[in-house]
Amino acid sequence: MSTDHSKLLKLATYASITTALSLIVAKLVAWILTGSVSILASLIDSLMDAGASLVNLLAVRYSLLPADEEHRFGHGKAEALAGLAQAMFITGSAVFLLLHAGDRLLNPQPITELGIGMAIILFAMLATTILLTIQRHVIKQTKSTAIRADALHYATDLATNGATLLALILAYNGFPGLDPVFAIGIALYILYSAIQIARDAIQLLMDKELPGEEREQIKAIVLKTPGVLGMHGLRTWQSGLRKVIQLHLELDQRLSLREAHKIAMDVEMHIRATEPQADVTIHQDPAGEQERDRHNPGDMF
């Protein structure tokens, strides 16, 4: 992994934790002053964000460790484990919030200091927007699963803050009874985001194939390399930031071992031109004599 990618990942995780802690303090003050269950919903979401961001920090630091004798493909799947941990954090917050909002719906309480509450929520939205801008830049550069999961629940946090602000505005205009209703809606949205994060993490842990367009791009790169007559057995998956690509080349059987090796190295070089972090394994087969592996079938061309 490049030094630049490592720096970007660390920047994103530190920014995430700093933002989460700042929002916790601000929303705790707002909840104490207002008593709004919608602000409590947003506070719980930020508490979960802080816990998830801490898990993310530890997971990203571990995933950046180089491959060793016991982890030949590196430690990248620590990011997927972090995603599952985040999903559990977020699910817990959603369930707690549903219970508390339901109780407030049955036992209404007055909301006070609405102006201060709205000002703090606006601050929270601004801080979250800045963090998301940083995270999206890092995701674009690194394709990090853990940062993508982190950004997803901060995007959820932005939505919950917006809903909280709307609930406070309605309460300010004489509709305080809608506060727990908005809190329930926020809780359901949080639960939905947890399901998304868990699904993506499980797919990574199960070595799901790369998206179809990426596989087609790999095939095109391989087949346009001079000397390649065909390919089969393409297998791909993601391990943290590293993409793993395995394939069989079909070459002229009259080539010498040195010539065949040269073509395989050209293919690997071309793949790495578009995927610098990829782990590429290429097997060379004489054209016309291929036999598909019946235990691990791939695509035949």
C-alpha atoms as a PDB file:
ATOM      1  CA  MET A   1       0.000   0.000   0.000  1.00  0.00           C
ATOM      2  CA  SER A   2       1.271   3.471  -0.869  1.00  0.00           C
ATOM      3  CA  THR A   3       2.293   5.937   1.855  1.00  0.00           C
ATOM      4  CA  ASP A   4      -0.224   8.463   0.491  1.00  0.00           C
ATOM      5  CA  HIS A   5      -3.091   5.989   0.933  1.00  0.00           C
ATOM      6  CA  SER A   6      -1.994   5.241   4.500  1.00  0.00           C
ATOM      7  CA  LYS A   7      -1.900   8.950   5.331  1.00  0.00           C
ATOM      8  CA  LEU A   8      -5.348   9.506   3.824  1.00  0.00           C
ATOM      9  CA  LEU A   9      -6.845   6.621   5.784  1.00  0.00           C
ATOM     10  CA  LYS A  10      -5.380   7.882   9.037  1.00  0.00           C
ATOM     11  CA  LEU A  11      -6.588  11.419   8.277  1.00  0.00           C
ATOM     12  CA  ALA A  12     -10.134  10.151   7.719  1.00  0.00           C
ATOM     13  CA  THR A  13     -10.219   8.068  10.913  1.00  0.00           C
ATOM     14  CA  TYR A  14      -8.789  10.838  13.126  1.00  0.00           C
ATOM     15  CA  ALA A  15     -11.173  13.393  11.612  1.00  0.00           C
ATOM     16  CA  SER A  16     -14.068  11.008  12.230  1.00  0.00           C
ATOM     17  CA  ILE A  17     -13.255  10.526  15.913  1.00  0.00           C
ATOM     18  CA  THR A  18     -12.662  14.250  16.489  1.00  0.00           C
ATOM     19  CA  THR A  19     -15.982  15.135  14.852  1.00  0.00           C
ATOM     20  CA  ALA A  20     -17.904  12.459  16.768  1.00  0.00           C
ATOM     21  CA  LEU A  21     -16.546  13.622  20.145  1.00  0.00           C
ATOM     22  CA  SER A  22     -17.327  17.270  19.340  1.00  0.00           C
ATOM     23  CA  LEU A  23     -20.892  16.389  18.344  1.00  0.00           C
ATOM     24  CA  ILE A  24     -21.438  14.307  21.479  1.00  0.00           C
ATOM     25  CA  VAL A  25     -20.565  17.259  23.714  1.00  0.00           C
ATOM     26  CA  ALA A  26     -22.698  19.692  21.700  1.00  0.00           C
ATOM     27  CA  LYS A  27     -25.749  17.414  21.521  1.00  0.00           C
ATOM     28  CA  LEU A  28     -25.505  16.433  25.191  1.00  0.00           C
ATOM     29  CA  VAL A  29     -25.724  20.122  26.097  1.00  0.00           C
ATOM     30  CA  ALA A  30     -28.647  20.572  23.688  1.00  0.00           C
ATOM     31  CA  TRP A  31     -30.539  17.582  25.110  1.00  0.00           C
ATOM     32  CA  ILE A  32     -30.030  18.703  28.719  1.00  0.00           C
ATOM     33  CA  LEU A  33     -31.315  22.187  27.867  1.00  0.00           C
ATOM     34  CA  THR A  34     -34.268  21.169  25.669  1.00  0.00           C
ATOM     35  CA  GLY A  35     -35.350  17.699  26.767  1.00  0.00           C
ATOM     36  CA  SER A  36     -36.123  16.914  23.095  1.00  0.00           C
ATOM     37  CA  VAL A  37     -36.271  13.204  22.292  1.00  0.00           C
ATOM     38  CA  SER A  38     -35.274  14.017  18.708  1.00  0.00           C
ATOM     39  CA  ILE A  39     -32.060  15.593  20.009  1.00  0.00           C
ATOM     40  CA  LEU A  40     -31.590  12.512  22.206  1.00  0.00           C
ATOM     41  CA  ALA A  41     -31.949  10.437  19.036  1.00  0.00           C
ATOM     42  CA  SER A  42     -29.240  12.471  17.373  1.00  0.00           C
ATOM     43  CA  LEU A  43     -27.054  12.252  20.518  1.00  0.00           C
ATOM     44  CA  ILE A  44     -27.354   8.451  20.604  1.00  0.00           C
ATOM     45  CA  ASP A  45     -26.460   8.353  16.914  1.00  0.00           C
ATOM     46  CA  SER A  46     -23.319  10.391  17.631  1.00  0.00           C
ATOM     47  CA  LEU A  47     -22.391   8.108  20.550  1.00  0.00           C
ATOM     48  CA  MET A  48     -22.627   5.166  18.191  1.00  0.00           C
ATOM     49  CA  ASP A  49     -20.611   7.111  15.621  1.00  0.00           C
ATOM     50  CA  ALA A  50     -17.834   7.626  18.172  1.00  0.00           C
ATOM     51  CA  GLY A  51     -17.761   3.948  19.069  1.00  0.00           C
ATOM     52  CA  ALA A  52     -17.840   2.897  15.433  1.00  0.00           C
ATOM     53  CA  SER A  53     -15.129   5.411  14.526  1.00  0.00           C
ATOM     54  CA  LEU A  54     -12.885   4.067  17.294  1.00  0.00           C
ATOM     55  CA  VAL A  55     -13.376   0.538  15.963  1.00  0.00           C
ATOM     56  CA  ASN A  56     -12.638   1.907  12.501  1.00  0.00           C
ATOM     57  CA  LEU A  57      -9.399   3.513  13.688  1.00  0.00           C
ATOM     58  CA  LEU A  58      -8.166   0.249  15.186  1.00  0.00           C
ATOM     59  CA  ALA A  59      -9.289  -1.786  12.166  1.00  0.00           C
ATOM     60  CA  VAL A  60      -7.694   0.553   9.626  1.00  0.00           C
ATOM     61  CA  ARG A  61      -4.406   0.607  11.548  1.00  0.00           C
ATOM     62  CA  TYR A  62      -4.432  -3.206  11.601  1.00  0.00           C
ATOM     63  CA  SER A  63      -5.439  -3.493   7.942  1.00  0.00           C
ATOM     64  CA  LEU A  64      -2.448  -1.321   6.959  1.00  0.00           C
ATOM     65  CA  LEU A  65      -0.018  -3.933   8.306  1.00  0.00           C
ATOM     66  CA  PRO A  66       1.915  -5.627   5.483  1.00  0.00           C
ATOM     67  CA  ALA A  67       1.364  -9.269   4.560  1.00  0.00           C
ATOM     68  CA  ASP A  68       3.233 -11.787   6.708  1.00  0.00           C
ATOM     69  CA  GLU A  69       3.749 -15.558   6.826  1.00  0.00           C
ATOM     70  CA  GLU A  70       0.373 -16.138   8.475  1.00  0.00           C
ATOM     71  CA  HIS A  71      -1.574 -13.564   6.428  1.00  0.00           C
ATOM     72  CA  ARG A  72      -0.260 -13.860   2.873  1.00  0.00           C
ATOM     73  CA  PHE A  73      -3.015 -11.633   1.462  1.00  0.00           C
ATOM     74  CA  GLY A  74      -2.445  -8.977   4.117  1.00  0.00           C
ATOM     75  CA  HIS A  75      -4.817  -7.859   6.870  1.00  0.00           C
ATOM     76  CA  GLY A  76      -7.364  -6.002   4.731  1.00  0.00           C
ATOM     77  CA  LYS A  77     -10.405  -7.973   5.888  1.00  0.00           C
ATOM     78  CA  ALA A  78     -10.097  -6.265   9.264  1.00  0.00           C
ATOM     79  CA  GLU A  79     -12.007  -3.463   7.532  1.00  0.00           C
ATOM     80  CA  ALA A  80     -14.971  -5.760   6.842  1.00  0.00           C
ATOM     81  CA  LEU A  81     -14.939  -6.884  10.478  1.00  0.00           C
ATOM     82  CA  ALA A  82     -15.027  -3.215  11.465  1.00  0.00           C
ATOM     83  CA  GLY A  83     -18.054  -2.784   9.206  1.00  0.00           C
ATOM     84  CA  LEU A  84     -19.870  -5.588  11.043  1.00  0.00           C
ATOM     85  CA  ALA A  85     -18.982  -4.010  14.392  1.00  0.00           C
ATOM     86  CA  GLN A  86     -20.378  -0.696  13.154  1.00  0.00           C
ATOM     87  CA  ALA A  87     -23.591  -2.401  12.070  1.00  0.00           C
ATOM     88  CA  MET A  88     -24.003  -3.848  15.579  1.00  0.00           C
ATOM     89  CA  PHE A  89     -23.357  -0.437  17.171  1.00  0.00           C
ATOM     90  CA  ILE A  90     -25.907   1.234  14.912  1.00  0.00           C
ATOM     91  CA  THR A  91     -28.534  -1.495  15.411  1.00  0.00           C
ATOM     92  CA  GLY A  92     -28.225  -1.141  19.188  1.00  0.00           C
ATOM     93  CA  SER A  93     -28.713   2.614  18.966  1.00  0.00           C
ATOM     94  CA  ALA A  94     -31.782   2.219  16.756  1.00  0.00           C
ATOM     95  CA  VAL A  95     -33.457  -0.268  19.125  1.00  0.00           C
ATOM     96  CA  PHE A  96     -32.760   1.920  22.184  1.00  0.00           C
ATOM     97  CA  LEU A  97     -34.119   4.954  20.388  1.00  0.00           C
ATOM     98  CA  LEU A  98     -37.308   3.171  19.295  1.00  0.00           C
ATOM     99  CA  LEU A  99     -37.998   2.190  22.909  1.00  0.00           C
ATOM    100  CA  HIS A 100     -37.330   5.697  24.261  1.00  0.00           C
ATOM    101  CA  ALA A 101     -39.344   7.437  21.529  1.00  0.00           C
ATOM    102  CA  GLY A 102     -42.247   5.057  22.107  1.00  0.00           C
ATOM    103  CA  ASP A 103     -42.207   5.902  25.823  1.00  0.00           C
ATOM    104  CA  ARG A 104     -42.118   9.655  25.077  1.00  0.00           C
ATOM    105  CA  LEU A 105     -45.039   9.216  22.655  1.00  0.00           C
ATOM    106  CA  LEU A 106     -47.083   7.652  25.452  1.00  0.00           C
ATOM    107  CA  ASN A 107     -45.814  10.079  28.112  1.00  0.00           C
ATOM    108  CA  PRO A 108     -45.320  13.531  26.498  1.00  0.00           C
ATOM    109  CA  GLN A 109     -42.960  16.054  28.095  1.00  0.00           C
ATOM    110  CA  PRO A 110     -42.422  19.759  27.313  1.00  0.00           C
ATOM    111  CA  ILE A 111     -39.513  20.909  25.153  1.00  0.00           C
ATOM    112  CA  THR A 112     -37.577  24.023  26.253  1.00  0.00           C
ATOM    113  CA  GLU A 113     -34.725  26.256  24.985  1.00  0.00           C
ATOM    114  CA  LEU A 114     -35.591  25.500  21.363  1.00  0.00           C
ATOM    115  CA  GLY A 115     -33.423  28.295  19.956  1.00  0.00           C
ATOM    116  CA  ILE A 116     -30.262  26.911  21.549  1.00  0.00           C
ATOM    117  CA  GLY A 117     -31.191  23.409  20.442  1.00  0.00           C
ATOM    118  CA  MET A 118     -31.604  24.489  16.813  1.00  0.00           C
ATOM    119  CA  ALA A 119     -28.273  26.384  16.866  1.00  0.00           C
ATOM    120  CA  ILE A 120     -26.423  23.315  18.153  1.00  0.00           C
ATOM    121  CA  ILE A 121     -28.015  21.043  15.560  1.00  0.00           C
ATOM    122  CA  LEU A 122     -27.004  23.479  12.807  1.00  0.00           C
ATOM    123  CA  PHE A 123     -23.424  23.329  14.138  1.00  0.00           C
ATOM    124  CA  ALA A 124     -23.610  19.523  14.090  1.00  0.00           C
ATOM    125  CA  MET A 125     -24.789  19.525  10.477  1.00  0.00           C
ATOM    126  CA  LEU A 126     -21.938  21.830   9.420  1.00  0.00           C
ATOM    127  CA  ALA A 127     -19.298  19.682  11.191  1.00  0.00           C
ATOM    128  CA  THR A 128     -20.726  16.481   9.694  1.00  0.00           C
ATOM    129  CA  THR A 129     -20.749  17.994   6.190  1.00  0.00           C
ATOM    130  CA  ILE A 130     -17.053  18.925   6.498  1.00  0.00           C
ATOM    131  CA  LEU A 131     -16.217  15.399   7.689  1.00  0.00           C
ATOM    132  CA  LEU A 132     -18.166  13.796   4.824  1.00  0.00           C
ATOM    133  CA  THR A 133     -16.258  15.945   2.336  1.00  0.00           C
ATOM    134  CA  ILE A 134     -12.972  14.622   3.743  1.00  0.00           C
ATOM    135  CA  GLN A 135     -14.219  11.025   3.813  1.00  0.00           C
ATOM    136  CA  ARG A 136     -15.507  11.083   0.239  1.00  0.00           C
ATOM    137  CA  HIS A 137     -12.140  12.341  -0.969  1.00  0.00           C
ATOM    138  CA  VAL A 138     -10.403   9.499   0.884  1.00  0.00           C
ATOM    139  CA  ILE A 139     -12.873   6.912  -0.472  1.00  0.00           C
ATOM    140  CA  LYS A 140     -12.287   8.156  -4.013  1.00  0.00           C
ATOM    141  CA  GLN A 141      -8.521   7.777  -3.612  1.00  0.00           C
ATOM    142  CA  THR A 142      -8.374   4.526  -1.595  1.00  0.00           C
ATOM    143  CA  LYS A 143     -11.692   2.637  -2.126  1.00  0.00           C
ATOM    144  CA  SER A 144     -11.567   1.826   1.608  1.00  0.00           C
ATOM    145  CA  THR A 145     -14.462  -0.349   2.829  1.00  0.00           C
ATOM    146  CA  ALA A 146     -14.147   0.827   6.427  1.00  0.00           C
ATOM    147  CA  ILE A 147     -14.153   4.526   5.503  1.00  0.00           C
ATOM    148  CA  ARG A 148     -17.095   3.925   3.161  1.00  0.00           C
ATOM    149  CA  ALA A 149     -19.033   2.337   6.041  1.00  0.00           C
ATOM    150  CA  ASP A 150     -18.036   5.211   8.318  1.00  0.00           C
ATOM    151  CA  ALA A 151     -19.190   7.751   5.730  1.00  0.00           C
ATOM    152  CA  LEU A 152     -22.501   5.922   5.346  1.00  0.00           C
ATOM    153  CA  HIS A 153     -23.430   6.276   8.989  1.00  0.00           C
ATOM    154  CA  TYR A 154     -22.236   9.907   9.069  1.00  0.00           C
ATOM    155  CA  ALA A 155     -24.469  10.555   6.056  1.00  0.00           C
ATOM    156  CA  THR A 156     -27.213   8.970   8.138  1.00  0.00           C
ATOM    157  CA  ASP A 157     -26.222  11.299  10.986  1.00  0.00           C
ATOM    158  CA  LEU A 158     -26.607  14.272   8.655  1.00  0.00           C
ATOM    159  CA  ALA A 159     -30.103  13.087   7.752  1.00  0.00           C
ATOM    160  CA  THR A 160     -31.021  12.562  11.416  1.00  0.00           C
ATOM    161  CA  ASN A 161     -29.766  16.052  12.253  1.00  0.00           C
ATOM    162  CA  GLY A 162     -31.952  17.450   9.488  1.00  0.00           C
ATOM    163  CA  ALA A 163     -34.958  15.572  10.834  1.00  0.00           C
ATOM    164  CA  THR A 164     -34.120  16.740  14.363  1.00  0.00           C
ATOM    165  CA  LEU A 165     -33.933  20.366  13.202  1.00  0.00           C
ATOM    166  CA  LEU A 166     -37.313  20.019  11.488  1.00  0.00           C
ATOM    167  CA  ALA A 167     -38.812  18.510  14.669  1.00  0.00           C
ATOM    168  CA  LEU A 168     -37.495  21.448  16.727  1.00  0.00           C
ATOM    169  CA  ILE A 169     -38.861  23.966  14.221  1.00  0.00           C
ATOM    170  CA  LEU A 170     -42.281  22.294  14.398  1.00  0.00           C
ATOM    171  CA  ALA A 171     -42.136  22.270  18.201  1.00  0.00           C
ATOM    172  CA  TYR A 172     -41.219  25.972  18.155  1.00  0.00           C
ATOM    173  CA  ASN A 173     -44.317  26.590  16.034  1.00  0.00           C
ATOM    174  CA  GLY A 174     -46.650  24.727  18.395  1.00  0.00           C
ATOM    175  CA  PHE A 175     -46.359  21.054  17.409  1.00  0.00           C
ATOM    176  CA  PRO A 176     -44.244  19.428  20.187  1.00  0.00           C
ATOM    177  CA  GLY A 177     -46.129  16.120  19.849  1.00  0.00           C
ATOM    178  CA  LEU A 178     -44.337  15.418  16.565  1.00  0.00           C
ATOM    179  CA  ASP A 179     -40.941  15.244  18.329  1.00  0.00           C
ATOM    180  CA  PRO A 180     -41.150  11.504  19.241  1.00  0.00           C
ATOM    181  CA  VAL A 181     -42.677  10.724  15.842  1.00  0.00           C
ATOM    182  CA  PHE A 182     -39.602  12.160  14.138  1.00  0.00           C
ATOM    183  CA  ALA A 183     -37.402  10.237  16.579  1.00  0.00           C
ATOM    184  CA  ILE A 184     -39.073   6.962  15.557  1.00  0.00           C
ATOM    185  CA  GLY A 185     -38.523   7.818  11.886  1.00  0.00           C
ATOM    186  CA  ILE A 186     -34.852   8.554  12.599  1.00  0.00           C
ATOM    187  CA  ALA A 187     -34.505   5.227  14.435  1.00  0.00           C
ATOM    188  CA  LEU A 188     -35.930   3.300  11.491  1.00  0.00           C
ATOM    189  CA  TYR A 189     -33.562   5.083   9.108  1.00  0.00           C
ATOM    190  CA  ILE A 190     -30.607   4.268  11.375  1.00  0.00           C
ATOM    191  CA  LEU A 191     -31.658   0.599  11.389  1.00  0.00           C
ATOM    192  CA  TYR A 192     -31.837   0.602   7.583  1.00  0.00           C
ATOM    193  CA  SER A 193     -28.284   1.981   7.340  1.00  0.00           C
ATOM    194  CA  ALA A 194     -27.067  -0.742   9.727  1.00  0.00           C
ATOM    195  CA  ILE A 195     -28.490  -3.398   7.419  1.00  0.00           C
ATOM    196  CA  GLN A 196     -26.683  -1.854   4.438  1.00  0.00           C
ATOM    197  CA  ILE A 197     -23.338  -1.761   6.269  1.00  0.00           C
ATOM    198  CA  ALA A 198     -23.693  -5.361   7.489  1.00  0.00           C
ATOM    199  CA  ARG A 199     -24.612  -6.594   4.014  1.00  0.00           C
ATOM    200  CA  ASP A 200     -21.567  -4.981   2.397  1.00  0.00           C
ATOM    201  CA  ALA A 201     -19.231  -6.291   5.113  1.00  0.00           C
ATOM    202  CA  ILE A 202     -20.566  -9.839   4.788  1.00  0.00           C
ATOM    203  CA  GLN A 203     -20.120  -9.765   1.005  1.00  0.00           C
ATOM    204  CA  LEU A 204     -16.458  -8.800   1.472  1.00  0.00           C
ATOM    205  CA  LEU A 205     -15.864 -11.517   4.045  1.00  0.00           C
ATOM    206  CA  MET A 206     -17.469 -14.036   1.675  1.00  0.00           C
ATOM    207  CA  ASP A 207     -15.044 -13.008  -1.127  1.00  0.00           C
ATOM    208  CA  LYS A 208     -17.712 -11.715  -3.466  1.00  0.00           C
ATOM    209  CA  GLU A 209     -16.552 -11.220  -7.051  1.00  0.00           C
ATOM    210  CA  LEU A 210     -15.669  -7.691  -8.140  1.00  0.00           C
ATOM    211  CA  PRO A 211     -18.442  -5.813  -9.989  1.00  0.00           C
ATOM    212  CA  GLY A 212     -19.157  -6.960 -13.539  1.00  0.00           C
ATOM    213  CA  GLU A 213     -17.778  -3.797 -15.153  1.00  0.00           C
ATOM    214  CA  GLU A 214     -14.434  -4.257 -13.374  1.00  0.00           C
ATOM    215  CA  ARG A 215     -14.229  -7.888 -14.478  1.00  0.00           C
ATOM    216  CA  GLU A 216     -14.985  -6.847 -18.061  1.00  0.00           C
ATOM    217  CA  GLN A 217     -12.245  -4.214 -17.863  1.00  0.00           C
ATOM    218  CA  ILE A 218      -9.746  -6.857 -16.680  1.00  0.00           C
ATOM    219  CA  LYS A 219     -10.751  -9.173 -19.531  1.00  0.00           C
ATOM    220  CA  ALA A 220     -10.317  -6.390 -22.086  1.00  0.00           C
ATOM    221  CA  ILE A 221      -6.859  -5.539 -20.730  1.00  0.00           C
ATOM    222  CA  VAL A 222      -5.752  -9.173 -20.881  1.00  0.00           C
ATOM    223  CA  LEU A 223      -7.125  -9.977 -24.326  1.00  0.00           C
ATOM    224  CA  LYS A 224      -5.590  -6.918 -26.019  1.00  0.00           C
ATOM    225  CA  THR A 225      -2.087  -7.848 -24.812  1.00  0.00           C
ATOM    226  CA  PRO A 226       0.036  -9.057 -27.782  1.00  0.00           C
ATOM    227  CA  GLY A 227       0.568 -12.826 -27.714  1.00  0.00           C
ATOM    228  CA  VAL A 228      -2.554 -13.644 -25.699  1.00  0.00           C
ATOM    229  CA  LEU A 229      -4.879 -15.982 -27.624  1.00  0.00           C
ATOM    230  CA  GLY A 230      -7.536 -16.236 -24.944  1.00  0.00           C
ATOM    231  CA  MET A 231      -8.194 -16.506 -21.221  1.00  0.00           C
ATOM    232  CA  HIS A 232     -10.339 -18.417 -18.764  1.00  0.00           C
ATOM    233  CA  GLY A 233     -10.739 -19.090 -15.064  1.00  0.00           C
ATOM    234  CA  LEU A 234     -10.918 -15.426 -14.042  1.00  0.00           C
ATOM    235  CA  ARG A 235     -11.483 -15.124 -10.282  1.00  0.00           C
ATOM    236  CA  THR A 236     -11.557 -11.839  -8.378  1.00  0.00           C
ATOM    237  CA  TRP A 237     -12.308 -10.574  -4.898  1.00  0.00           C
ATOM    238  CA  GLN A 238     -11.533  -7.683  -2.588  1.00  0.00           C
ATOM    239  CA  SER A 239      -9.386  -7.919   0.543  1.00  0.00           C
ATOM    240  CA  GLY A 240      -9.422  -4.534   2.245  1.00  0.00           C
ATOM    241  CA  LEU A 241      -7.830  -2.064  -0.172  1.00  0.00           C
ATOM    242  CA  ARG A 242      -6.254  -4.849  -2.230  1.00  0.00           C
ATOM    243  CA  LYS A 243      -8.000  -6.483  -5.175  1.00  0.00           C
ATOM    244  CA  VAL A 244      -7.058 -10.106  -5.802  1.00  0.00           C
ATOM    245  CA  ILE A 245      -7.081 -11.208  -9.457  1.00  0.00           C
ATOM    246  CA  GLN A 246      -6.387 -14.750 -10.667  1.00  0.00           C
ATOM    247  CA  LEU A 247      -6.653 -15.960 -14.254  1.00  0.00           C
ATOM    248  CA  HIS A 248      -5.405 -18.459 -16.857  1.00  0.00           C
ATOM    249  CA  LEU A 249      -3.793 -17.231 -20.089  1.00  0.00           C
ATOM    250  CA  GLU A 250      -4.125 -19.184 -23.317  1.00  0.00           C
ATOM    251  CA  LEU A 251      -0.866 -18.952 -25.282  1.00  0.00           C
ATOM    252  CA  ASP A 252       0.652 -20.485 -28.401  1.00  0.00           C
ATOM    253  CA  GLN A 253       1.969 -23.885 -27.305  1.00  0.00           C
ATOM    254  CA  ARG A 254       5.064 -23.428 -29.472  1.00  0.00           C
ATOM    255  CA  LEU A 255       6.326 -20.562 -27.287  1.00  0.00           C
ATOM    256  CA  SER A 256       9.350 -21.122 -25.097  1.00  0.00           C
ATOM    257  CA  LEU A 257       8.938 -20.834 -21.324  1.00  0.00           C
ATOM    258  CA  ARG A 258      10.807 -17.515 -21.433  1.00  0.00           C
ATOM    259  CA  GLU A 259       8.501 -16.126 -24.132  1.00  0.00           C
ATOM    260  CA  ALA A 260       5.370 -17.283 -22.304  1.00  0.00           C
ATOM    261  CA  HIS A 261       6.632 -15.748 -19.082  1.00  0.00           C
ATOM    262  CA  LYS A 262       7.296 -12.453 -20.869  1.00  0.00           C
ATOM    263  CA  ILE A 263       3.681 -12.296 -22.109  1.00  0.00           C
ATOM    264  CA  ALA A 264       2.352 -13.079 -18.627  1.00  0.00           C
ATOM    265  CA  MET A 265       4.479 -10.300 -17.160  1.00  0.00           C
ATOM    266  CA  ASP A 266       3.129  -7.886 -19.785  1.00  0.00           C
ATOM    267  CA  VAL A 267      -0.435  -8.816 -18.799  1.00  0.00           C
ATOM    268  CA  GLU A 268       0.335  -8.280 -15.126  1.00  0.00           C
ATOM    269  CA  MET A 269       1.971  -4.923 -15.878  1.00  0.00           C
ATOM    270  CA  HIS A 270      -1.094  -3.773 -17.849  1.00  0.00           C
ATOM    271  CA  ILE A 271      -3.471  -4.817 -15.049  1.00  0.00           C
ATOM    272  CA  ARG A 272      -1.343  -3.027 -12.456  1.00  0.00           C
ATOM    273  CA  ALA A 273      -1.442   0.119 -14.573  1.00  0.00           C
ATOM    274  CA  THR A 274      -5.139   0.411 -13.678  1.00  0.00           C
ATOM    275  CA  GLU A 275      -5.046  -1.419 -10.316  1.00  0.00           C
ATOM    276  CA  PRO A 276      -1.666  -0.602  -8.689  1.00  0.00           C
ATOM    277  CA  GLN A 277      -2.550  -2.337  -5.396  1.00  0.00           C
ATOM    278  CA  ALA A 278      -3.824  -5.552  -7.008  1.00  0.00           C
ATOM    279  CA  ASP A 279      -2.474  -9.000  -6.135  1.00  0.00           C
ATOM    280  CA  VAL A 280      -2.257 -10.687  -9.562  1.00  0.00           C
ATOM    281  CA  THR A 281      -1.704 -14.416 -10.142  1.00  0.00           C
ATOM    282  CA  ILE A 282      -1.452 -15.688 -13.726  1.00  0.00           C
ATOM    283  CA  HIS A 283      -1.287 -19.310 -14.919  1.00  0.00           C
ATOM    284  CA  GLN A 284      -0.148 -20.026 -18.470  1.00  0.00           C
ATOM    285  CA  ASP A 285      -1.903 -22.706 -20.566  1.00  0.00           C
ATOM    286  CA  PRO A 286      -1.234 -23.950 -24.116  1.00  0.00           C
ATOM    287  CA  ALA A 287      -4.075 -22.753 -26.348  1.00  0.00           C
ATOM    288  CA  GLY A 288      -6.474 -25.556 -27.298  1.00  0.00           C
ATOM    289  CA  GLU A 289      -5.555 -27.820 -24.383  1.00  0.00           C
ATOM    290  CA  GLN A 290      -7.316 -26.054 -21.511  1.00  0.00           C
ATOM    291  CA  GLU A 291      -9.455 -27.992 -19.096  1.00  0.00           C
ATOM    292  CA  ARG A 292     -11.671 -26.071 -16.727  1.00  0.00           C
ATOM    293  CA  ASP A 293     -11.152 -26.786 -13.085  1.00  0.00           C
ATOM    294  CA  ARG A 294     -14.296 -28.612 -12.084  1.00  0.00           C
ATOM    295  CA  HIS A 295     -13.875 -27.529  -8.484  1.00  0.00           C
ATOM    296  CA  ASN A 296     -13.287 -23.814  -9.245  1.00  0.00           C
ATOM    297  CA  PRO A 297     -14.937 -23.057 -12.593  1.00  0.00           C
ATOM    298  CA  GLY A 298     -14.306 -19.691 -14.213  1.00  0.00           C
ATOM    299  CA  ASP A 299     -15.212 -17.939 -17.438  1.00  0.00           C
ATOM    300  CA  MET A 300     -14.038 -19.526 -20.695  1.00  0.00           C
ATOM    301  CA  PHE A 301     -13.198 -17.333 -23.678  1.00  0.00           C
END
